[in-house]
Amino acid sequence: MVPVGGVGVMLLGIALSGVVCLLLALGLRRRLGTVTAFALAGFLWSLVVIACVTLVPANGAPGIVYADQRQPGCSWDIGGPAPDGFWIIASGQRALNTALFVPSGALLVVAAARWRAARWLVPAGLVMLAAYSAGIELTQLVLARLDRACDVTDVVDNVTGAALGVAAGLVLALVLRPWRARSRRW
């Protein structure tokens, strides 16, 4: 198997998915309105960005990982396996894990604010973001080739970020008012 990964692969995945989501937003603009269309497409893009950042090996996949070298389970040590920092920004990994999910939470609220069902869509979406985070951690555990560590602290930080994003999204929705107009011309 050829190892695939690295920052270039992450950025390529992010850029290509960004183009697809931009086209999706432009296609949905007339039907949903500009704010809702871009919020929905942005929400989907944020999920892809999260997947690229967390599931693409940072320095290329290590190839074969033997059973005795695998992580036996998720770390339950609050603080995680890499509390001192991350390879992109000289900051605490916990802050980065929190910040990674803030856009998803905010865009979830703005995308859902158009409909009355937002009362249950937003809490359900927050639960789904928590499940998405847990699914990423389980994937990191099962696929040792990703050269990533499964850690329960990441789930806590990600859900915290999503909740902060939901709070920011409530304010943003009040400012943008996506329920007011079906579409706006640029």
N, C-alpha and C. Protein backbone atom coordinates (compact mmCIF):
# COMPACT_ATOMS: atom_id res chain seq x y z
N MET A 1 0.84 -1.17 0.00
CA MET A 1 0.00 0.00 0.00
C MET A 1 0.88 1.24 0.00
N VAL A 2 0.52 2.22 -0.79
CA VAL A 2 1.26 3.47 -0.87
C VAL A 2 0.76 4.40 0.22
N PRO A 3 1.66 4.88 1.09
CA PRO A 3 1.22 5.82 2.12
C PRO A 3 0.75 7.13 1.51
N VAL A 4 -0.40 7.59 1.94
CA VAL A 4 -0.96 8.85 1.46
C VAL A 4 -1.24 9.72 2.66
N GLY A 5 -0.92 10.98 2.54
CA GLY A 5 -1.21 11.90 3.63
C GLY A 5 -0.34 13.12 3.54
N GLY A 6 -0.29 13.84 4.61
CA GLY A 6 0.48 15.06 4.69
C GLY A 6 -0.39 16.29 4.55
N VAL A 7 0.21 17.43 4.83
CA VAL A 7 -0.50 18.69 4.80
C VAL A 7 -1.03 19.00 3.41
N GLY A 8 -0.25 18.67 2.38
CA GLY A 8 -0.69 18.93 1.01
C GLY A 8 -1.97 18.20 0.66
N VAL A 9 -2.08 16.95 1.08
CA VAL A 9 -3.29 16.17 0.82
C VAL A 9 -4.47 16.76 1.58
N MET A 10 -4.24 17.16 2.82
CA MET A 10 -5.30 17.80 3.61
C MET A 10 -5.80 19.06 2.90
N LEU A 11 -4.88 19.91 2.50
CA LEU A 11 -5.26 21.17 1.86
C LEU A 11 -5.94 20.94 0.53
N LEU A 12 -5.50 19.95 -0.22
CA LEU A 12 -6.15 19.63 -1.49
C LEU A 12 -7.59 19.17 -1.25
N GLY A 13 -7.80 18.30 -0.28
CA GLY A 13 -9.15 17.84 0.06
C GLY A 13 -10.03 18.99 0.51
N ILE A 14 -9.47 19.89 1.30
CA ILE A 14 -10.23 21.04 1.78
C ILE A 14 -10.59 21.96 0.62
N ALA A 15 -9.64 22.21 -0.27
CA ALA A 15 -9.89 23.11 -1.40
C ALA A 15 -10.91 22.53 -2.37
N LEU A 16 -10.76 21.27 -2.73
CA LEU A 16 -11.70 20.65 -3.68
C LEU A 16 -13.11 20.60 -3.10
N SER A 17 -13.21 20.23 -1.84
CA SER A 17 -14.54 20.19 -1.22
C SER A 17 -15.12 21.59 -1.07
N GLY A 18 -14.26 22.59 -0.89
CA GLY A 18 -14.73 23.97 -0.83
C GLY A 18 -15.35 24.42 -2.14
N VAL A 19 -14.74 24.02 -3.24
CA VAL A 19 -15.30 24.36 -4.56
C VAL A 19 -16.65 23.68 -4.75
N VAL A 20 -16.75 22.42 -4.39
CA VAL A 20 -18.01 21.69 -4.52
C VAL A 20 -19.09 22.34 -3.65
N CYS A 21 -18.76 22.70 -2.44
CA CYS A 21 -19.74 23.32 -1.54
C CYS A 21 -20.13 24.72 -2.01
N LEU A 22 -19.19 25.45 -2.60
CA LEU A 22 -19.52 26.76 -3.16
C LEU A 22 -20.53 26.61 -4.30
N LEU A 23 -20.30 25.64 -5.17
CA LEU A 23 -21.24 25.37 -6.26
C LEU A 23 -22.61 24.95 -5.71
N LEU A 24 -22.61 24.16 -4.65
CA LEU A 24 -23.86 23.76 -4.00
C LEU A 24 -24.60 24.99 -3.47
N ALA A 25 -23.88 25.89 -2.81
CA ALA A 25 -24.50 27.10 -2.27
C ALA A 25 -25.10 27.96 -3.38
N LEU A 26 -24.36 28.10 -4.45
CA LEU A 26 -24.87 28.89 -5.57
C LEU A 26 -26.11 28.25 -6.19
N GLY A 27 -26.12 26.92 -6.22
CA GLY A 27 -27.28 26.22 -6.76
C GLY A 27 -28.50 26.30 -5.86
N LEU A 28 -28.31 26.38 -4.57
CA LEU A 28 -29.42 26.43 -3.61
C LEU A 28 -29.91 27.84 -3.30
N ARG A 29 -29.18 28.83 -3.75
CA ARG A 29 -29.47 30.22 -3.40
C ARG A 29 -30.90 30.66 -3.70
N ARG A 30 -31.37 30.37 -4.87
CA ARG A 30 -32.73 30.79 -5.23
C ARG A 30 -33.79 30.06 -4.42
N ARG A 31 -33.55 28.83 -4.16
CA ARG A 31 -34.55 28.02 -3.46
C ARG A 31 -34.61 28.32 -1.96
N LEU A 32 -33.44 28.52 -1.34
CA LEU A 32 -33.38 28.68 0.12
C LEU A 32 -33.07 30.09 0.58
N GLY A 33 -32.63 30.93 -0.31
CA GLY A 33 -32.14 32.25 0.08
C GLY A 33 -30.63 32.19 0.25
N THR A 34 -30.01 33.31 0.08
CA THR A 34 -28.55 33.37 0.09
C THR A 34 -27.95 32.92 1.43
N VAL A 35 -28.48 33.46 2.51
CA VAL A 35 -27.91 33.16 3.83
C VAL A 35 -28.03 31.68 4.15
N THR A 36 -29.21 31.12 3.98
CA THR A 36 -29.41 29.70 4.30
C THR A 36 -28.60 28.81 3.38
N ALA A 37 -28.56 29.13 2.09
CA ALA A 37 -27.81 28.30 1.14
C ALA A 37 -26.33 28.27 1.49
N PHE A 38 -25.76 29.43 1.77
CA PHE A 38 -24.33 29.46 2.10
C PHE A 38 -24.06 28.87 3.48
N ALA A 39 -25.00 29.02 4.42
CA ALA A 39 -24.82 28.41 5.74
C ALA A 39 -24.87 26.89 5.65
N LEU A 40 -25.81 26.37 4.87
CA LEU A 40 -25.91 24.92 4.70
C LEU A 40 -24.67 24.35 4.01
N ALA A 41 -24.27 24.99 2.91
CA ALA A 41 -23.07 24.53 2.20
C ALA A 41 -21.83 24.69 3.08
N GLY A 42 -21.77 25.78 3.84
CA GLY A 42 -20.65 25.98 4.75
C GLY A 42 -20.61 24.95 5.85
N PHE A 43 -21.78 24.57 6.34
CA PHE A 43 -21.86 23.53 7.36
C PHE A 43 -21.31 22.21 6.81
N LEU A 44 -21.75 21.83 5.62
CA LEU A 44 -21.25 20.61 5.00
C LEU A 44 -19.74 20.68 4.79
N TRP A 45 -19.27 21.84 4.33
CA TRP A 45 -17.84 22.01 4.11
C TRP A 45 -17.07 21.90 5.42
N SER A 46 -17.63 22.45 6.50
CA SER A 46 -16.94 22.37 7.79
C SER A 46 -16.78 20.92 8.24
N LEU A 47 -17.77 20.09 7.93
CA LEU A 47 -17.66 18.67 8.28
C LEU A 47 -16.55 17.98 7.48
N VAL A 48 -16.42 18.36 6.21
CA VAL A 48 -15.35 17.78 5.38
C VAL A 48 -13.99 18.28 5.86
N VAL A 49 -13.91 19.54 6.22
CA VAL A 49 -12.65 20.09 6.74
C VAL A 49 -12.24 19.35 8.00
N ILE A 50 -13.20 19.11 8.89
CA ILE A 50 -12.91 18.36 10.11
C ILE A 50 -12.38 16.97 9.77
N ALA A 51 -13.02 16.31 8.82
CA ALA A 51 -12.56 14.97 8.42
C ALA A 51 -11.16 15.02 7.84
N CYS A 52 -10.88 16.00 7.01
CA CYS A 52 -9.54 16.12 6.41
C CYS A 52 -8.48 16.35 7.48
N VAL A 53 -8.77 17.23 8.42
CA VAL A 53 -7.79 17.57 9.45
C VAL A 53 -7.57 16.42 10.43
N THR A 54 -8.61 15.65 10.69
CA THR A 54 -8.50 14.61 11.73
C THR A 54 -8.24 13.21 11.19
N LEU A 55 -8.54 12.97 9.92
CA LEU A 55 -8.41 11.61 9.40
C LEU A 55 -7.33 11.43 8.34
N VAL A 56 -6.77 12.51 7.85
CA VAL A 56 -5.65 12.40 6.91
C VAL A 56 -4.38 12.41 7.74
N PRO A 57 -3.51 11.42 7.55
CA PRO A 57 -2.27 11.38 8.33
C PRO A 57 -1.45 12.66 8.13
N ALA A 58 -0.95 13.19 9.22
CA ALA A 58 -0.24 14.47 9.18
C ALA A 58 1.05 14.40 8.37
N ASN A 59 1.77 13.31 8.46
CA ASN A 59 3.07 13.20 7.79
C ASN A 59 3.11 12.04 6.81
N GLY A 60 1.98 11.66 6.26
CA GLY A 60 1.93 10.48 5.41
C GLY A 60 1.63 9.27 6.26
N ALA A 61 0.86 8.36 5.74
CA ALA A 61 0.48 7.17 6.50
C ALA A 61 1.71 6.30 6.75
N PRO A 62 1.78 5.70 7.93
CA PRO A 62 2.95 4.86 8.24
C PRO A 62 2.97 3.54 7.48
N GLY A 63 1.92 3.23 6.74
CA GLY A 63 1.88 1.95 6.02
C GLY A 63 1.33 0.86 6.91
N ILE A 64 2.09 -0.16 7.12
CA ILE A 64 1.64 -1.29 7.93
C ILE A 64 1.90 -1.00 9.40
N VAL A 65 0.87 -1.22 10.21
CA VAL A 65 1.01 -1.10 11.66
C VAL A 65 0.66 -2.47 12.23
N TYR A 66 1.64 -3.10 12.86
CA TYR A 66 1.43 -4.43 13.40
C TYR A 66 0.57 -4.39 14.66
N ALA A 67 -0.13 -5.49 14.90
CA ALA A 67 -1.10 -5.56 15.99
C ALA A 67 -0.49 -5.18 17.34
N ASP A 68 0.74 -5.60 17.58
CA ASP A 68 1.35 -5.29 18.88
C ASP A 68 1.79 -3.82 18.99
N GLN A 69 1.74 -3.07 17.90
CA GLN A 69 2.12 -1.66 17.92
C GLN A 69 0.90 -0.74 17.90
N ARG A 70 -0.27 -1.32 17.79
CA ARG A 70 -1.51 -0.53 17.75
C ARG A 70 -1.87 0.01 19.12
N GLN A 71 -2.60 1.08 19.12
CA GLN A 71 -3.16 1.60 20.35
C GLN A 71 -4.27 0.63 20.79
N PRO A 72 -4.22 0.09 22.00
CA PRO A 72 -5.20 -0.92 22.41
C PRO A 72 -6.60 -0.36 22.65
N GLY A 73 -6.70 0.91 22.94
CA GLY A 73 -8.00 1.54 23.21
C GLY A 73 -7.85 3.04 23.24
N CYS A 74 -8.96 3.70 23.41
CA CYS A 74 -8.92 5.16 23.48
C CYS A 74 -8.35 5.61 24.82
N SER A 75 -7.62 6.70 24.80
CA SER A 75 -7.09 7.27 26.03
C SER A 75 -8.22 7.96 26.78
N TRP A 76 -8.34 7.64 28.04
CA TRP A 76 -9.34 8.28 28.90
C TRP A 76 -8.67 9.29 29.82
N ASP A 77 -7.41 9.55 29.57
CA ASP A 77 -6.64 10.51 30.35
C ASP A 77 -6.98 11.92 29.86
N ILE A 78 -7.70 12.67 30.69
CA ILE A 78 -8.08 14.03 30.29
C ILE A 78 -6.80 14.85 30.13
N GLY A 79 -6.68 15.45 28.99
CA GLY A 79 -5.46 16.17 28.65
C GLY A 79 -4.86 15.58 27.39
N GLY A 80 -5.14 14.33 27.15
CA GLY A 80 -4.78 13.69 25.89
C GLY A 80 -3.32 13.35 25.73
N PRO A 81 -3.02 12.66 24.62
CA PRO A 81 -1.67 12.21 24.37
C PRO A 81 -0.73 13.33 23.89
N ALA A 82 -1.26 14.46 23.45
CA ALA A 82 -0.41 15.54 22.96
C ALA A 82 -0.88 16.89 23.50
N PRO A 83 -0.81 17.09 24.83
CA PRO A 83 -1.34 18.33 25.40
C PRO A 83 -0.48 19.56 25.13
N ASP A 84 0.78 19.38 24.70
CA ASP A 84 1.68 20.52 24.55
C ASP A 84 1.54 21.26 23.24
N GLY A 85 0.87 20.72 22.28
CA GLY A 85 0.74 21.44 21.03
C GLY A 85 0.45 20.55 19.86
N PHE A 86 0.36 21.16 18.73
CA PHE A 86 -0.03 20.50 17.51
C PHE A 86 0.95 20.92 16.43
N TRP A 87 1.01 20.24 15.34
CA TRP A 87 2.04 20.46 14.34
C TRP A 87 1.77 21.63 13.41
N ILE A 88 0.61 22.26 13.45
CA ILE A 88 0.34 23.38 12.55
C ILE A 88 0.54 24.71 13.26
N ILE A 89 -0.06 24.88 14.39
CA ILE A 89 -0.02 26.13 15.12
C ILE A 89 0.57 25.86 16.50
N ALA A 90 1.44 26.73 16.94
CA ALA A 90 2.04 26.58 18.27
C ALA A 90 1.01 26.99 19.32
N SER A 91 0.09 26.13 19.58
CA SER A 91 -0.96 26.37 20.56
C SER A 91 -1.34 25.02 21.14
N GLY A 92 -2.08 25.06 22.19
CA GLY A 92 -2.50 23.80 22.79
C GLY A 92 -3.44 23.04 21.87
N GLN A 93 -3.26 21.75 21.80
CA GLN A 93 -4.11 20.92 20.95
C GLN A 93 -5.56 20.98 21.39
N ARG A 94 -5.78 21.14 22.67
CA ARG A 94 -7.16 21.20 23.15
C ARG A 94 -7.87 22.44 22.61
N ALA A 95 -7.18 23.56 22.54
CA ALA A 95 -7.78 24.77 21.98
C ALA A 95 -8.08 24.58 20.50
N LEU A 96 -7.19 23.92 19.79
CA LEU A 96 -7.41 23.67 18.37
C LEU A 96 -8.59 22.72 18.15
N ASN A 97 -8.69 21.69 18.98
CA ASN A 97 -9.82 20.76 18.86
C ASN A 97 -11.14 21.48 19.14
N THR A 98 -11.12 22.41 20.06
CA THR A 98 -12.32 23.19 20.36
C THR A 98 -12.65 24.11 19.18
N ALA A 99 -11.66 24.83 18.69
CA ALA A 99 -11.87 25.79 17.60
C ALA A 99 -12.32 25.10 16.31
N LEU A 100 -11.90 23.86 16.11
CA LEU A 100 -12.23 23.13 14.88
C LEU A 100 -13.74 22.94 14.70
N PHE A 101 -14.47 22.81 15.80
CA PHE A 101 -15.91 22.54 15.72
C PHE A 101 -16.78 23.79 15.87
N VAL A 102 -16.19 24.93 16.19
CA VAL A 102 -16.99 26.15 16.35
C VAL A 102 -17.73 26.52 15.06
N PRO A 103 -17.08 26.53 13.90
CA PRO A 103 -17.82 26.88 12.67
C PRO A 103 -19.00 25.94 12.40
N SER A 104 -18.83 24.67 12.67
CA SER A 104 -19.93 23.72 12.44
C SER A 104 -21.14 24.05 13.30
N GLY A 105 -20.91 24.35 14.56
CA GLY A 105 -22.01 24.71 15.44
C GLY A 105 -22.70 25.99 15.01
N ALA A 106 -21.92 27.00 14.64
CA ALA A 106 -22.49 28.28 14.22
C ALA A 106 -23.27 28.14 12.92
N LEU A 107 -22.69 27.46 11.95
CA LEU A 107 -23.36 27.30 10.65
C LEU A 107 -24.60 26.41 10.76
N LEU A 108 -24.57 25.47 11.67
CA LEU A 108 -25.75 24.63 11.93
C LEU A 108 -26.94 25.50 12.32
N VAL A 109 -26.72 26.43 13.24
CA VAL A 109 -27.81 27.29 13.70
C VAL A 109 -28.30 28.20 12.57
N VAL A 110 -27.38 28.82 11.85
CA VAL A 110 -27.78 29.73 10.78
C VAL A 110 -28.53 28.98 9.68
N ALA A 111 -28.07 27.77 9.36
CA ALA A 111 -28.74 26.97 8.33
C ALA A 111 -30.13 26.54 8.78
N ALA A 112 -30.30 26.23 10.05
CA ALA A 112 -31.59 25.74 10.56
C ALA A 112 -32.55 26.85 10.95
N ALA A 113 -32.05 28.06 11.14
CA ALA A 113 -32.87 29.15 11.67
C ALA A 113 -34.04 29.52 10.76
N ARG A 114 -33.99 29.16 9.54
CA ARG A 114 -35.03 29.50 8.57
C ARG A 114 -36.35 28.77 8.86
N TRP A 115 -36.26 27.61 9.48
CA TRP A 115 -37.43 26.76 9.67
C TRP A 115 -37.86 26.71 11.14
N ARG A 116 -39.16 26.49 11.35
CA ARG A 116 -39.67 26.33 12.72
C ARG A 116 -39.07 25.10 13.39
N ALA A 117 -38.70 24.14 12.60
CA ALA A 117 -38.12 22.91 13.14
C ALA A 117 -36.75 23.14 13.78
N ALA A 118 -36.23 24.37 13.69
CA ALA A 118 -34.93 24.67 14.29
C ALA A 118 -34.92 24.38 15.79
N ARG A 119 -36.10 24.42 16.41
CA ARG A 119 -36.20 24.14 17.85
C ARG A 119 -35.66 22.77 18.20
N TRP A 120 -35.87 21.81 17.30
CA TRP A 120 -35.33 20.48 17.55
C TRP A 120 -34.16 20.16 16.63
N LEU A 121 -34.06 20.84 15.48
CA LEU A 121 -32.94 20.59 14.57
C LEU A 121 -31.59 20.97 15.20
N VAL A 122 -31.55 22.09 15.88
CA VAL A 122 -30.29 22.54 16.46
C VAL A 122 -29.82 21.60 17.58
N PRO A 123 -30.66 21.25 18.57
CA PRO A 123 -30.19 20.29 19.57
C PRO A 123 -29.84 18.93 18.97
N ALA A 124 -30.64 18.47 18.01
CA ALA A 124 -30.33 17.19 17.35
C ALA A 124 -29.03 17.30 16.57
N GLY A 125 -28.81 18.45 15.94
CA GLY A 125 -27.56 18.66 15.21
C GLY A 125 -26.36 18.68 16.13
N LEU A 126 -26.52 19.26 17.31
CA LEU A 126 -25.43 19.27 18.29
C LEU A 126 -25.10 17.85 18.75
N VAL A 127 -26.13 17.05 18.96
CA VAL A 127 -25.91 15.64 19.32
C VAL A 127 -25.21 14.90 18.17
N MET A 128 -25.60 15.22 16.93
CA MET A 128 -24.96 14.57 15.77
C MET A 128 -23.50 15.01 15.63
N LEU A 129 -23.20 16.26 15.95
CA LEU A 129 -21.80 16.70 15.93
C LEU A 129 -20.99 15.97 16.99
N ALA A 130 -21.60 15.71 18.15
CA ALA A 130 -20.92 14.93 19.18
C ALA A 130 -20.68 13.50 18.69
N ALA A 131 -21.68 12.93 18.03
CA ALA A 131 -21.52 11.58 17.48
C ALA A 131 -20.47 11.56 16.37
N TYR A 132 -20.42 12.61 15.57
CA TYR A 132 -19.42 12.73 14.51
C TYR A 132 -18.02 12.74 15.12
N SER A 133 -17.84 13.50 16.19
CA SER A 133 -16.56 13.55 16.88
C SER A 133 -16.18 12.18 17.44
N ALA A 134 -17.13 11.51 18.07
CA ALA A 134 -16.86 10.17 18.61
C ALA A 134 -16.54 9.19 17.49
N GLY A 135 -17.24 9.31 16.37
CA GLY A 135 -16.96 8.45 15.21
C GLY A 135 -15.57 8.67 14.66
N ILE A 136 -15.12 9.91 14.65
CA ILE A 136 -13.75 10.20 14.20
C ILE A 136 -12.74 9.55 15.13
N GLU A 137 -12.97 9.66 16.42
CA GLU A 137 -12.04 9.05 17.39
C GLU A 137 -12.01 7.53 17.24
N LEU A 138 -13.17 6.92 17.04
CA LEU A 138 -13.20 5.46 16.84
C LEU A 138 -12.49 5.07 15.54
N THR A 139 -12.66 5.88 14.50
CA THR A 139 -11.97 5.62 13.25
C THR A 139 -10.46 5.71 13.45
N GLN A 140 -10.01 6.69 14.21
CA GLN A 140 -8.59 6.82 14.50
C GLN A 140 -8.06 5.61 15.27
N LEU A 141 -8.90 5.04 16.11
CA LEU A 141 -8.49 3.85 16.86
C LEU A 141 -8.42 2.62 15.95
N VAL A 142 -9.44 2.42 15.16
CA VAL A 142 -9.53 1.23 14.32
C VAL A 142 -8.52 1.25 13.19
N LEU A 143 -8.36 2.41 12.58
CA LEU A 143 -7.43 2.51 11.44
C LEU A 143 -6.09 3.04 11.93
N ALA A 144 -5.28 2.15 12.46
CA ALA A 144 -3.98 2.54 13.01
C ALA A 144 -3.09 3.17 11.95
N ARG A 145 -3.36 2.88 10.68
CA ARG A 145 -2.56 3.45 9.59
C ARG A 145 -2.66 4.96 9.52
N LEU A 146 -3.67 5.53 10.13
CA LEU A 146 -3.82 6.98 10.11
C LEU A 146 -2.76 7.66 10.97
N ASP A 147 -2.12 6.88 11.84
CA ASP A 147 -1.11 7.40 12.74
C ASP A 147 -1.68 8.53 13.61
N ARG A 148 -2.88 8.30 14.10
CA ARG A 148 -3.57 9.25 14.98
C ARG A 148 -3.92 8.54 16.27
N ALA A 149 -4.13 9.31 17.31
CA ALA A 149 -4.44 8.74 18.62
C ALA A 149 -5.91 8.98 18.96
N CYS A 150 -6.56 7.95 19.43
CA CYS A 150 -7.94 8.05 19.89
C CYS A 150 -7.91 8.56 21.33
N ASP A 151 -8.67 9.63 21.58
CA ASP A 151 -8.63 10.24 22.90
C ASP A 151 -10.00 10.83 23.24
N VAL A 152 -10.53 10.48 24.38
CA VAL A 152 -11.85 10.98 24.80
C VAL A 152 -11.81 12.49 25.05
N THR A 153 -10.66 13.02 25.38
CA THR A 153 -10.52 14.47 25.58
C THR A 153 -10.87 15.22 24.30
N ASP A 154 -10.51 14.65 23.16
CA ASP A 154 -10.83 15.29 21.88
C ASP A 154 -12.34 15.43 21.71
N VAL A 155 -13.09 14.42 22.10
CA VAL A 155 -14.55 14.48 21.99
C VAL A 155 -15.09 15.59 22.89
N VAL A 156 -14.59 15.66 24.11
CA VAL A 156 -15.03 16.71 25.04
C VAL A 156 -14.73 18.09 24.45
N ASP A 157 -13.52 18.27 23.93
CA ASP A 157 -13.13 19.56 23.35
C ASP A 157 -13.95 19.88 22.10
N ASN A 158 -14.19 18.88 21.26
CA ASN A 158 -14.96 19.10 20.04
C ASN A 158 -16.41 19.49 20.36
N VAL A 159 -17.02 18.81 21.31
CA VAL A 159 -18.40 19.13 21.69
C VAL A 159 -18.45 20.52 22.34
N THR A 160 -17.45 20.86 23.10
CA THR A 160 -17.37 22.21 23.67
C THR A 160 -17.33 23.25 22.55
N GLY A 161 -16.51 23.00 21.54
CA GLY A 161 -16.43 23.91 20.40
C GLY A 161 -17.74 24.01 19.65
N ALA A 162 -18.40 22.88 19.45
CA ALA A 162 -19.70 22.90 18.76
C ALA A 162 -20.73 23.68 19.57
N ALA A 163 -20.73 23.52 20.89
CA ALA A 163 -21.67 24.26 21.74
C ALA A 163 -21.37 25.76 21.71
N LEU A 164 -20.10 26.13 21.74
CA LEU A 164 -19.74 27.54 21.61
C LEU A 164 -20.17 28.08 20.25
N GLY A 165 -20.03 27.25 19.22
CA GLY A 165 -20.47 27.64 17.88
C GLY A 165 -21.97 27.84 17.82
N VAL A 166 -22.72 26.98 18.48
CA VAL A 166 -24.18 27.13 18.52
C VAL A 166 -24.54 28.46 19.18
N ALA A 167 -23.87 28.81 20.27
CA ALA A 167 -24.13 30.09 20.93
C ALA A 167 -23.81 31.25 19.98
N ALA A 168 -22.68 31.17 19.30
CA ALA A 168 -22.32 32.22 18.33
C ALA A 168 -23.31 32.24 17.17
N GLY A 169 -23.77 31.07 16.76
CA GLY A 169 -24.74 30.97 15.67
C GLY A 169 -26.07 31.60 16.01
N LEU A 170 -26.48 31.52 17.27
CA LEU A 170 -27.72 32.18 17.70
C LEU A 170 -27.63 33.68 17.50
N VAL A 171 -26.50 34.25 17.87
CA VAL A 171 -26.30 35.69 17.68
C VAL A 171 -26.22 36.01 16.19
N LEU A 172 -25.47 35.20 15.45
CA LEU A 172 -25.31 35.41 14.01
C LEU A 172 -26.65 35.31 13.28
N ALA A 173 -27.48 34.37 13.68
CA ALA A 173 -28.80 34.21 13.05
C ALA A 173 -29.67 35.44 13.30
N LEU A 174 -29.58 36.00 14.49
CA LEU A 174 -30.35 37.21 14.79
C LEU A 174 -29.88 38.39 13.93
N VAL A 175 -28.60 38.42 13.63
CA VAL A 175 -28.07 39.49 12.79
C VAL A 175 -28.42 39.27 11.31
N LEU A 176 -28.25 38.05 10.84
CA LEU A 176 -28.45 37.75 9.41
C LEU A 176 -29.91 37.52 9.04
N ARG A 177 -30.72 37.08 9.99
CA ARG A 177 -32.15 36.84 9.80
C ARG A 177 -32.46 36.03 8.53
N PRO A 178 -32.04 34.80 8.47
CA PRO A 178 -32.25 34.01 7.25
C PRO A 178 -33.72 33.71 6.96
N TRP A 179 -34.59 33.92 7.91
CA TRP A 179 -36.02 33.64 7.72
C TRP A 179 -36.74 34.78 7.00
N ARG A 180 -36.11 35.94 6.84
CA ARG A 180 -36.79 37.11 6.29
C ARG A 180 -37.04 37.05 4.79
N ALA A 181 -36.10 36.60 4.01
CA ALA A 181 -36.26 36.64 2.56
C ALA A 181 -35.85 35.32 1.95
N ARG A 182 -36.54 34.94 0.90
CA ARG A 182 -36.19 33.70 0.21
C ARG A 182 -34.86 33.83 -0.50
N SER A 183 -34.67 34.91 -1.19
CA SER A 183 -33.40 35.10 -1.87
C SER A 183 -33.07 36.58 -1.95
N ARG A 184 -31.81 36.84 -2.05
CA ARG A 184 -31.34 38.21 -2.18
C ARG A 184 -30.38 38.26 -3.35
N ARG A 185 -30.45 39.30 -4.09
CA ARG A 185 -29.51 39.48 -5.20
C ARG A 185 -28.23 40.09 -4.67
N TRP A 186 -27.15 39.70 -5.24
CA TRP A 186 -25.85 40.22 -4.79
C TRP A 186 -25.61 41.55 -5.37
